[in-house]
Amino acid sequence: MIELRVTGREAARKVLREFSDSNIEDKWLPGSTSRARNKASSKDNVDETSPGSKSVKRKFSIVSKDVEEWTKNWNALALGVDGHSVIKDRSVAEKGIFALWAIRRATSDAHKVVSAGRLTNFLYQAFEVKVGERSIGRALKEISNKGKVIQVADGFQLQPPGMEAAAKMAGLDNASEMSA
């Protein structure tokens, strides 16, 4: 016989209420990207008292068209910069700054705002460096008061001191970097 525990029953009731609530807009369609679950529902679904229970993270590595385009454009720049070698042993914040710089170079958009999710996706697609979305978001928030990057509602935006720092990481001349 199978039955739900208290937390499972509560979660099921919540889903049923949301399902039958006509005020909640259905934004998901089959074949579209997934949305992240909130922390509370993830914790409710894990029974920490039973032996051997582990929290299971399920991440879908769906690459957005923007990230594909940024990666293609970055590779086409042929700057002679091996991004993987440059950032593989750097801090998470430095990886984020370098990725923002590379995206800015690939898009020629000085005001580009990039979400933490797309940033981690770009790091992996362009440089084969894995960084957690929450880790990069947290690291960039921590350094945002130092002037290299600012946090905007939708993500992060690189500032001139960040451009200089990334150019130094890449070993490029700062004067030629700032004109790009």
N, C-alpha and C. Protein backbone atom coordinates (compact mmCIF):
# COMPACT_ATOMS: atom_id res chain seq x y z
N MET A 1 0.83 -1.17 0.00
CA MET A 1 0.00 0.00 0.00
C MET A 1 0.89 1.25 0.00
N ILE A 2 0.52 2.22 -0.79
CA ILE A 2 1.29 3.46 -0.89
C ILE A 2 0.43 4.62 -0.42
N GLU A 3 1.04 5.49 0.39
CA GLU A 3 0.33 6.68 0.82
C GLU A 3 1.32 7.83 0.93
N LEU A 4 0.79 9.03 0.92
CA LEU A 4 1.62 10.22 1.04
C LEU A 4 1.79 10.61 2.49
N ARG A 5 2.96 11.13 2.79
CA ARG A 5 3.18 11.68 4.12
C ARG A 5 2.50 13.03 4.19
N VAL A 6 2.51 13.65 5.35
CA VAL A 6 1.82 14.92 5.57
C VAL A 6 2.32 15.98 4.57
N THR A 7 3.63 16.11 4.44
CA THR A 7 4.16 17.13 3.52
C THR A 7 3.77 16.84 2.08
N GLY A 8 3.72 15.57 1.72
CA GLY A 8 3.31 15.19 0.37
C GLY A 8 1.85 15.49 0.11
N ARG A 9 1.01 15.22 1.11
CA ARG A 9 -0.42 15.54 0.97
C ARG A 9 -0.63 17.04 0.83
N GLU A 10 0.11 17.83 1.64
CA GLU A 10 -0.01 19.29 1.55
C GLU A 10 0.43 19.79 0.18
N ALA A 11 1.51 19.24 -0.33
CA ALA A 11 2.01 19.64 -1.65
C ALA A 11 1.01 19.27 -2.74
N ALA A 12 0.41 18.08 -2.62
CA ALA A 12 -0.58 17.64 -3.61
C ALA A 12 -1.81 18.55 -3.58
N ARG A 13 -2.26 18.91 -2.38
CA ARG A 13 -3.41 19.82 -2.27
C ARG A 13 -3.10 21.18 -2.90
N LYS A 14 -1.89 21.66 -2.67
CA LYS A 14 -1.49 22.95 -3.24
C LYS A 14 -1.51 22.89 -4.76
N VAL A 15 -0.97 21.83 -5.33
CA VAL A 15 -0.96 21.67 -6.78
C VAL A 15 -2.38 21.60 -7.32
N LEU A 16 -3.25 20.86 -6.65
CA LEU A 16 -4.63 20.76 -7.09
C LEU A 16 -5.35 22.11 -7.02
N ARG A 17 -5.06 22.88 -5.94
CA ARG A 17 -5.66 24.22 -5.85
C ARG A 17 -5.18 25.11 -6.99
N GLU A 18 -3.88 25.08 -7.26
CA GLU A 18 -3.33 25.88 -8.35
C GLU A 18 -3.89 25.44 -9.70
N PHE A 19 -4.06 24.14 -9.86
CA PHE A 19 -4.57 23.60 -11.12
C PHE A 19 -5.99 24.06 -11.39
N SER A 20 -6.79 24.12 -10.34
CA SER A 20 -8.19 24.50 -10.53
C SER A 20 -8.42 26.01 -10.42
N ASP A 21 -7.39 26.79 -10.10
CA ASP A 21 -7.53 28.24 -9.98
C ASP A 21 -7.42 28.88 -11.36
N SER A 22 -8.51 29.44 -11.84
CA SER A 22 -8.52 30.04 -13.18
C SER A 22 -7.78 31.38 -13.22
N ASN A 23 -7.43 31.94 -12.07
CA ASN A 23 -6.69 33.20 -12.03
C ASN A 23 -5.20 33.00 -12.31
N ILE A 24 -4.72 31.77 -12.22
CA ILE A 24 -3.32 31.49 -12.48
C ILE A 24 -3.16 31.15 -13.95
N GLU A 25 -2.28 31.94 -14.61
CA GLU A 25 -2.05 31.76 -16.05
C GLU A 25 -1.13 30.56 -16.28
N ASP A 26 -1.47 29.73 -17.24
CA ASP A 26 -0.65 28.59 -17.60
C ASP A 26 0.39 29.06 -18.61
N LYS A 27 1.64 29.15 -18.16
CA LYS A 27 2.71 29.67 -19.01
C LYS A 27 3.53 28.56 -19.65
N TRP A 28 3.35 27.33 -19.24
CA TRP A 28 4.17 26.25 -19.75
C TRP A 28 3.47 25.55 -20.90
N LEU A 29 4.23 25.26 -21.93
CA LEU A 29 3.73 24.50 -23.06
C LEU A 29 4.69 23.34 -23.32
N PRO A 30 4.18 22.21 -23.78
CA PRO A 30 5.09 21.10 -24.07
C PRO A 30 6.16 21.54 -25.06
N GLY A 31 7.40 21.18 -24.77
CA GLY A 31 8.50 21.54 -25.64
C GLY A 31 9.16 22.86 -25.28
N SER A 32 8.56 23.63 -24.37
CA SER A 32 9.17 24.89 -23.96
C SER A 32 10.17 24.62 -22.85
N THR A 33 10.93 25.64 -22.50
CA THR A 33 11.93 25.46 -21.45
C THR A 33 11.25 25.27 -20.10
N SER A 34 11.98 24.66 -19.20
CA SER A 34 11.44 24.42 -17.87
C SER A 34 11.66 25.65 -17.01
N ARG A 35 10.92 25.73 -15.92
CA ARG A 35 11.18 26.79 -14.96
C ARG A 35 11.66 26.15 -13.68
N ALA A 36 12.47 26.88 -12.96
CA ALA A 36 13.03 26.33 -11.73
C ALA A 36 11.96 26.23 -10.66
N ARG A 37 12.04 25.19 -9.87
CA ARG A 37 11.13 25.02 -8.75
C ARG A 37 11.59 25.91 -7.62
N ASN A 38 10.66 26.34 -6.81
CA ASN A 38 11.09 27.15 -5.68
C ASN A 38 11.67 26.25 -4.59
N LYS A 39 12.51 26.85 -3.74
CA LYS A 39 13.20 26.06 -2.72
C LYS A 39 12.25 25.39 -1.76
N ALA A 40 11.18 26.06 -1.42
CA ALA A 40 10.26 25.51 -0.41
C ALA A 40 9.65 24.20 -0.88
N SER A 41 9.19 24.14 -2.12
CA SER A 41 8.56 22.91 -2.59
C SER A 41 9.59 21.80 -2.75
N SER A 42 10.83 22.14 -3.09
CA SER A 42 11.87 21.13 -3.20
C SER A 42 12.16 20.51 -1.85
N LYS A 43 12.22 21.36 -0.83
CA LYS A 43 12.51 20.86 0.52
C LYS A 43 11.36 20.01 1.04
N ASP A 44 10.13 20.40 0.72
CA ASP A 44 8.98 19.64 1.20
C ASP A 44 8.95 18.24 0.62
N ASN A 45 9.51 18.06 -0.56
CA ASN A 45 9.45 16.77 -1.22
C ASN A 45 10.56 15.82 -0.80
N VAL A 46 11.45 16.26 0.07
CA VAL A 46 12.56 15.43 0.52
C VAL A 46 12.32 15.05 1.96
N ASP A 47 12.30 13.76 2.23
CA ASP A 47 12.14 13.29 3.60
C ASP A 47 13.52 13.10 4.18
N GLU A 48 13.94 14.05 5.03
CA GLU A 48 15.29 14.01 5.57
C GLU A 48 15.42 13.04 6.73
N THR A 49 14.31 12.51 7.21
CA THR A 49 14.40 11.62 8.36
C THR A 49 14.65 10.18 7.94
N SER A 50 14.29 9.84 6.72
CA SER A 50 14.49 8.45 6.32
C SER A 50 15.95 8.24 5.91
N PRO A 51 16.50 7.09 6.28
CA PRO A 51 17.91 6.84 5.97
C PRO A 51 18.14 6.73 4.47
N GLY A 52 19.24 7.32 4.05
CA GLY A 52 19.63 7.21 2.65
C GLY A 52 18.90 8.17 1.72
N SER A 53 18.03 9.03 2.27
CA SER A 53 17.34 9.96 1.38
C SER A 53 18.27 11.09 1.00
N LYS A 54 18.24 11.45 -0.27
CA LYS A 54 19.10 12.52 -0.78
C LYS A 54 18.25 13.47 -1.59
N SER A 55 18.62 14.71 -1.54
CA SER A 55 17.96 15.72 -2.37
C SER A 55 18.43 15.51 -3.80
N VAL A 56 17.51 15.45 -4.71
CA VAL A 56 17.86 15.23 -6.10
C VAL A 56 17.65 16.53 -6.85
N LYS A 57 18.71 17.04 -7.46
CA LYS A 57 18.60 18.23 -8.27
C LYS A 57 18.37 17.82 -9.71
N ARG A 58 17.40 18.44 -10.31
CA ARG A 58 17.13 18.17 -11.72
C ARG A 58 17.28 19.48 -12.47
N LYS A 59 18.29 19.57 -13.27
CA LYS A 59 18.52 20.76 -14.08
C LYS A 59 18.43 20.35 -15.53
N PHE A 60 17.78 21.17 -16.30
CA PHE A 60 17.69 20.93 -17.72
C PHE A 60 18.68 21.85 -18.41
N SER A 61 19.53 21.29 -19.21
CA SER A 61 20.54 22.09 -19.88
C SER A 61 20.05 22.50 -21.26
N ILE A 62 19.03 23.30 -21.27
CA ILE A 62 18.50 23.81 -22.52
C ILE A 62 19.23 25.11 -22.81
N VAL A 63 19.85 25.18 -23.96
CA VAL A 63 20.62 26.35 -24.34
C VAL A 63 19.71 27.30 -25.10
N SER A 64 19.64 28.54 -24.64
CA SER A 64 18.79 29.51 -25.33
C SER A 64 19.45 29.91 -26.64
N LYS A 65 18.64 30.43 -27.53
CA LYS A 65 19.15 30.89 -28.83
C LYS A 65 20.13 32.03 -28.64
N ASP A 66 19.90 32.89 -27.62
CA ASP A 66 20.83 33.98 -27.34
C ASP A 66 22.22 33.42 -27.01
N VAL A 67 22.26 32.43 -26.13
CA VAL A 67 23.55 31.87 -25.71
C VAL A 67 24.23 31.19 -26.89
N GLU A 68 23.48 30.50 -27.72
CA GLU A 68 24.06 29.89 -28.92
C GLU A 68 24.68 30.96 -29.82
N GLU A 69 23.95 32.07 -30.00
CA GLU A 69 24.44 33.15 -30.85
C GLU A 69 25.68 33.81 -30.25
N TRP A 70 25.66 34.06 -28.93
CA TRP A 70 26.82 34.66 -28.27
C TRP A 70 28.05 33.78 -28.42
N THR A 71 27.86 32.48 -28.24
CA THR A 71 28.97 31.54 -28.35
C THR A 71 29.53 31.53 -29.78
N LYS A 72 28.64 31.48 -30.75
CA LYS A 72 29.06 31.50 -32.15
C LYS A 72 29.82 32.79 -32.47
N ASN A 73 29.28 33.92 -32.02
CA ASN A 73 29.94 35.21 -32.28
C ASN A 73 31.27 35.32 -31.56
N TRP A 74 31.34 34.81 -30.33
CA TRP A 74 32.60 34.83 -29.58
C TRP A 74 33.67 34.03 -30.33
N ASN A 75 33.31 32.85 -30.78
CA ASN A 75 34.27 32.02 -31.50
C ASN A 75 34.69 32.66 -32.82
N ALA A 76 33.78 33.41 -33.44
CA ALA A 76 34.09 34.07 -34.71
C ALA A 76 35.02 35.27 -34.53
N LEU A 77 35.09 35.82 -33.32
CA LEU A 77 35.96 36.98 -33.09
C LEU A 77 37.44 36.66 -33.30
N ALA A 78 37.82 35.44 -33.02
CA ALA A 78 39.21 34.99 -33.20
C ALA A 78 40.20 35.97 -32.57
N LEU A 79 40.02 36.24 -31.28
CA LEU A 79 40.91 37.15 -30.56
C LEU A 79 42.21 36.48 -30.13
N GLY A 80 42.28 35.17 -30.29
CA GLY A 80 43.45 34.44 -29.83
C GLY A 80 43.46 34.27 -28.32
N VAL A 81 42.28 34.31 -27.73
CA VAL A 81 42.16 34.16 -26.27
C VAL A 81 41.55 32.80 -25.98
N ASP A 82 42.29 31.96 -25.24
CA ASP A 82 41.76 30.66 -24.82
C ASP A 82 41.03 30.87 -23.49
N GLY A 83 39.74 31.15 -23.60
CA GLY A 83 38.93 31.47 -22.43
C GLY A 83 38.99 30.41 -21.35
N HIS A 84 39.00 29.15 -21.75
CA HIS A 84 39.04 28.06 -20.77
C HIS A 84 40.30 28.16 -19.91
N SER A 85 41.45 28.33 -20.56
CA SER A 85 42.71 28.44 -19.82
C SER A 85 42.76 29.69 -18.95
N VAL A 86 42.16 30.77 -19.45
CA VAL A 86 42.18 32.03 -18.72
C VAL A 86 41.39 31.94 -17.41
N ILE A 87 40.21 31.28 -17.44
CA ILE A 87 39.33 31.33 -16.27
C ILE A 87 39.21 30.05 -15.46
N LYS A 88 39.75 28.96 -15.93
CA LYS A 88 39.50 27.68 -15.25
C LYS A 88 39.90 27.67 -13.78
N ASP A 89 40.95 28.40 -13.40
CA ASP A 89 41.39 28.42 -12.01
C ASP A 89 41.07 29.73 -11.30
N ARG A 90 40.21 30.52 -11.87
CA ARG A 90 39.84 31.82 -11.29
C ARG A 90 38.65 31.67 -10.35
N SER A 91 38.39 32.73 -9.60
CA SER A 91 37.24 32.75 -8.69
C SER A 91 35.96 32.80 -9.51
N VAL A 92 34.86 32.47 -8.87
CA VAL A 92 33.56 32.49 -9.55
C VAL A 92 33.24 33.90 -10.04
N ALA A 93 33.55 34.91 -9.23
CA ALA A 93 33.30 36.29 -9.63
C ALA A 93 34.12 36.65 -10.87
N GLU A 94 35.37 36.24 -10.90
CA GLU A 94 36.22 36.53 -12.07
C GLU A 94 35.70 35.81 -13.31
N LYS A 95 35.21 34.59 -13.14
CA LYS A 95 34.62 33.87 -14.27
C LYS A 95 33.42 34.63 -14.80
N GLY A 96 32.61 35.16 -13.89
CA GLY A 96 31.44 35.94 -14.29
C GLY A 96 31.82 37.21 -15.02
N ILE A 97 32.83 37.91 -14.52
CA ILE A 97 33.29 39.14 -15.18
C ILE A 97 33.82 38.83 -16.58
N PHE A 98 34.61 37.77 -16.68
CA PHE A 98 35.16 37.39 -17.98
C PHE A 98 34.05 37.02 -18.96
N ALA A 99 33.06 36.27 -18.48
CA ALA A 99 31.95 35.88 -19.35
C ALA A 99 31.14 37.10 -19.79
N LEU A 100 30.88 38.03 -18.88
CA LEU A 100 30.17 39.26 -19.25
C LEU A 100 30.96 40.04 -20.30
N TRP A 101 32.28 40.08 -20.14
CA TRP A 101 33.15 40.76 -21.10
C TRP A 101 33.08 40.08 -22.46
N ALA A 102 33.16 38.75 -22.45
CA ALA A 102 33.11 38.00 -23.72
C ALA A 102 31.76 38.19 -24.41
N ILE A 103 30.68 38.19 -23.65
CA ILE A 103 29.35 38.40 -24.23
C ILE A 103 29.26 39.81 -24.80
N ARG A 104 29.79 40.77 -24.06
CA ARG A 104 29.78 42.15 -24.54
C ARG A 104 30.57 42.27 -25.84
N ARG A 105 31.71 41.61 -25.92
CA ARG A 105 32.51 41.63 -27.15
C ARG A 105 31.76 40.92 -28.28
N ALA A 106 31.11 39.82 -27.97
CA ALA A 106 30.41 39.03 -29.00
C ALA A 106 29.17 39.74 -29.52
N THR A 107 28.56 40.58 -28.70
CA THR A 107 27.33 41.25 -29.12
C THR A 107 27.54 42.70 -29.50
N SER A 108 28.70 43.26 -29.16
CA SER A 108 28.98 44.68 -29.37
C SER A 108 27.94 45.55 -28.67
N ASP A 109 27.42 45.08 -27.57
CA ASP A 109 26.39 45.80 -26.82
C ASP A 109 26.98 46.22 -25.48
N ALA A 110 27.29 47.51 -25.36
CA ALA A 110 27.92 48.03 -24.15
C ALA A 110 26.98 48.03 -22.95
N HIS A 111 25.69 47.91 -23.19
CA HIS A 111 24.72 47.95 -22.09
C HIS A 111 24.05 46.60 -21.87
N LYS A 112 24.69 45.54 -22.30
CA LYS A 112 24.12 44.20 -22.22
C LYS A 112 23.91 43.78 -20.77
N VAL A 113 22.70 43.33 -20.46
CA VAL A 113 22.36 42.80 -19.14
C VAL A 113 22.15 41.30 -19.32
N VAL A 114 22.84 40.50 -18.52
CA VAL A 114 22.79 39.05 -18.66
C VAL A 114 22.38 38.42 -17.34
N SER A 115 21.41 37.51 -17.39
CA SER A 115 20.97 36.81 -16.19
C SER A 115 22.03 35.80 -15.75
N ALA A 116 21.98 35.42 -14.49
CA ALA A 116 22.93 34.44 -13.96
C ALA A 116 22.79 33.11 -14.70
N GLY A 117 21.58 32.73 -15.04
CA GLY A 117 21.37 31.46 -15.76
C GLY A 117 22.02 31.46 -17.13
N ARG A 118 21.82 32.52 -17.87
CA ARG A 118 22.43 32.59 -19.21
C ARG A 118 23.94 32.73 -19.12
N LEU A 119 24.40 33.39 -18.07
CA LEU A 119 25.83 33.54 -17.86
C LEU A 119 26.49 32.18 -17.63
N THR A 120 25.90 31.36 -16.77
CA THR A 120 26.46 30.02 -16.52
C THR A 120 26.37 29.16 -17.77
N ASN A 121 25.29 29.31 -18.51
CA ASN A 121 25.13 28.55 -19.75
C ASN A 121 26.20 28.96 -20.76
N PHE A 122 26.46 30.26 -20.88
CA PHE A 122 27.49 30.75 -21.79
C PHE A 122 28.87 30.26 -21.36
N LEU A 123 29.16 30.31 -20.07
CA LEU A 123 30.46 29.83 -19.59
C LEU A 123 30.70 28.39 -20.01
N TYR A 124 29.66 27.58 -19.93
CA TYR A 124 29.82 26.17 -20.29
C TYR A 124 29.91 26.00 -21.81
N GLN A 125 29.04 26.68 -22.54
CA GLN A 125 29.03 26.52 -24.00
C GLN A 125 30.29 27.08 -24.66
N ALA A 126 30.75 28.23 -24.21
CA ALA A 126 31.89 28.88 -24.85
C ALA A 126 33.23 28.41 -24.32
N PHE A 127 33.31 28.10 -23.01
CA PHE A 127 34.61 27.82 -22.39
C PHE A 127 34.69 26.47 -21.69
N GLU A 128 33.59 25.72 -21.71
CA GLU A 128 33.53 24.41 -21.05
C GLU A 128 33.90 24.51 -19.57
N VAL A 129 33.38 25.54 -18.92
CA VAL A 129 33.60 25.74 -17.49
C VAL A 129 32.24 25.72 -16.81
N LYS A 130 32.07 24.80 -15.86
CA LYS A 130 30.80 24.68 -15.15
C LYS A 130 30.83 25.52 -13.88
N VAL A 131 29.80 26.34 -13.73
CA VAL A 131 29.61 27.17 -12.55
C VAL A 131 28.13 27.13 -12.22
N GLY A 132 27.80 27.04 -10.95
CA GLY A 132 26.41 27.03 -10.54
C GLY A 132 25.77 28.40 -10.70
N GLU A 133 24.52 28.41 -11.11
CA GLU A 133 23.78 29.65 -11.31
C GLU A 133 23.71 30.47 -10.02
N ARG A 134 23.39 29.82 -8.92
CA ARG A 134 23.31 30.53 -7.65
C ARG A 134 24.68 31.03 -7.22
N SER A 135 25.73 30.25 -7.48
CA SER A 135 27.08 30.66 -7.09
C SER A 135 27.51 31.92 -7.84
N ILE A 136 27.27 31.94 -9.13
CA ILE A 136 27.70 33.11 -9.91
C ILE A 136 26.86 34.32 -9.56
N GLY A 137 25.57 34.11 -9.33
CA GLY A 137 24.71 35.21 -8.93
C GLY A 137 25.16 35.81 -7.61
N ARG A 138 25.46 34.95 -6.66
CA ARG A 138 25.92 35.40 -5.34
C ARG A 138 27.27 36.11 -5.44
N ALA A 139 28.19 35.55 -6.21
CA ALA A 139 29.53 36.14 -6.33
C ALA A 139 29.46 37.52 -6.99
N LEU A 140 28.66 37.65 -8.03
CA LEU A 140 28.55 38.95 -8.70
C LEU A 140 27.82 39.97 -7.85
N LYS A 141 26.86 39.53 -7.04
CA LYS A 141 26.18 40.46 -6.12
C LYS A 141 27.17 40.98 -5.09
N GLU A 142 28.05 40.10 -4.62
CA GLU A 142 29.03 40.50 -3.60
C GLU A 142 30.01 41.54 -4.11
N ILE A 143 30.39 41.46 -5.39
CA ILE A 143 31.36 42.42 -5.92
C ILE A 143 30.70 43.61 -6.61
N SER A 144 29.37 43.62 -6.66
CA SER A 144 28.69 44.69 -7.39
C SER A 144 28.98 46.07 -6.81
N ASN A 145 29.33 46.16 -5.54
CA ASN A 145 29.62 47.46 -4.95
C ASN A 145 31.05 47.92 -5.23
N LYS A 146 31.85 47.12 -5.88
CA LYS A 146 33.23 47.47 -6.17
C LYS A 146 33.38 48.13 -7.55
N GLY A 147 32.29 48.29 -8.28
CA GLY A 147 32.32 49.03 -9.53
C GLY A 147 32.58 48.23 -10.80
N LYS A 148 32.93 46.95 -10.70
CA LYS A 148 33.22 46.16 -11.90
C LYS A 148 31.95 45.68 -12.60
N VAL A 149 30.92 45.47 -11.82
CA VAL A 149 29.66 44.97 -12.36
C VAL A 149 28.53 45.54 -11.51
N ILE A 150 27.39 45.76 -12.14
CA ILE A 150 26.23 46.19 -11.37
C ILE A 150 25.11 45.18 -11.56
N GLN A 151 24.30 45.07 -10.51
CA GLN A 151 23.15 44.19 -10.60
C GLN A 151 21.97 45.00 -11.07
N VAL A 152 21.34 44.52 -12.11
CA VAL A 152 20.15 45.13 -12.67
C VAL A 152 19.03 44.13 -12.43
N ALA A 153 17.80 44.58 -12.47
CA ALA A 153 16.66 43.71 -12.16
C ALA A 153 16.73 42.36 -12.88
N ASP A 154 17.12 42.35 -14.14
CA ASP A 154 17.11 41.12 -14.91
C ASP A 154 18.43 40.36 -14.89
N GLY A 155 19.47 40.92 -14.29
CA GLY A 155 20.75 40.23 -14.29
C GLY A 155 21.89 41.16 -13.92
N PHE A 156 22.99 41.04 -14.67
CA PHE A 156 24.20 41.77 -14.36
C PHE A 156 24.71 42.49 -15.60
N GLN A 157 25.34 43.65 -15.34
CA GLN A 157 25.88 44.45 -16.42
C GLN A 157 27.32 44.81 -16.07
N LEU A 158 28.22 44.64 -17.03
CA LEU A 158 29.63 44.92 -16.84
C LEU A 158 29.88 46.42 -16.93
N GLN A 159 30.76 46.92 -16.07
CA GLN A 159 31.13 48.33 -16.04
C GLN A 159 32.57 48.49 -16.53
N PRO A 160 33.01 49.71 -16.86
CA PRO A 160 34.38 49.91 -17.37
C PRO A 160 35.49 49.28 -16.53
N PRO A 161 35.47 49.37 -15.18
CA PRO A 161 36.53 48.68 -14.43
C PRO A 161 36.50 47.14 -14.65
N GLY A 162 35.31 46.59 -14.86
CA GLY A 162 35.20 45.16 -15.16
C GLY A 162 35.75 44.83 -16.53
N MET A 163 35.53 45.73 -17.48
CA MET A 163 36.09 45.55 -18.82
C MET A 163 37.62 45.51 -18.74
N GLU A 164 38.18 46.43 -17.97
CA GLU A 164 39.64 46.48 -17.81
C GLU A 164 40.16 45.20 -17.15
N ALA A 165 39.47 44.75 -16.11
CA ALA A 165 39.90 43.54 -15.41
C ALA A 165 39.85 42.32 -16.33
N ALA A 166 38.80 42.21 -17.13
CA ALA A 166 38.68 41.07 -18.05
C ALA A 166 39.73 41.14 -19.15
N ALA A 167 40.01 42.35 -19.64
CA ALA A 167 41.03 42.51 -20.67
C ALA A 167 42.40 42.09 -20.14
N LYS A 168 42.67 42.41 -18.87
CA LYS A 168 43.93 41.99 -18.24
C LYS A 168 43.98 40.47 -18.13
N MET A 169 42.85 39.87 -17.72
CA MET A 169 42.81 38.41 -17.63
C MET A 169 43.12 37.78 -18.98
N ALA A 170 42.54 38.38 -20.05
CA ALA A 170 42.72 37.84 -21.40
C ALA A 170 44.08 38.17 -21.98
N GLY A 171 44.82 39.07 -21.33
CA GLY A 171 46.14 39.45 -21.84
C GLY A 171 46.06 40.38 -23.02
N LEU A 172 44.97 41.15 -23.13
CA LEU A 172 44.83 42.08 -24.26
C LEU A 172 45.21 43.48 -23.82
N ASP A 173 45.66 44.25 -24.79
CA ASP A 173 46.00 45.65 -24.57
C ASP A 173 44.76 46.41 -24.19
N ASN A 174 44.81 47.14 -23.11
CA ASN A 174 43.64 47.86 -22.59
C ASN A 174 43.12 48.93 -23.56
N ALA A 175 44.01 49.63 -24.26
CA ALA A 175 43.57 50.67 -25.18
C ALA A 175 42.76 50.10 -26.33
N SER A 176 43.24 49.00 -26.90
CA SER A 176 42.50 48.38 -28.00
C SER A 176 41.21 47.73 -27.50
N GLU A 177 41.24 47.28 -26.25
CA GLU A 177 40.04 46.65 -25.65
C GLU A 177 38.92 47.65 -25.48
N MET A 178 39.23 48.83 -25.00
CA MET A 178 38.20 49.81 -24.71
C MET A 178 37.57 50.36 -25.98
N SER A 179 38.27 50.30 -27.09
CA SER A 179 37.69 50.79 -28.35
C SER A 179 36.76 49.76 -28.97
N ALA A 180 36.79 48.53 -28.50
CA ALA A 180 35.94 47.48 -29.09
C ALA A 180 34.55 47.53 -28.54
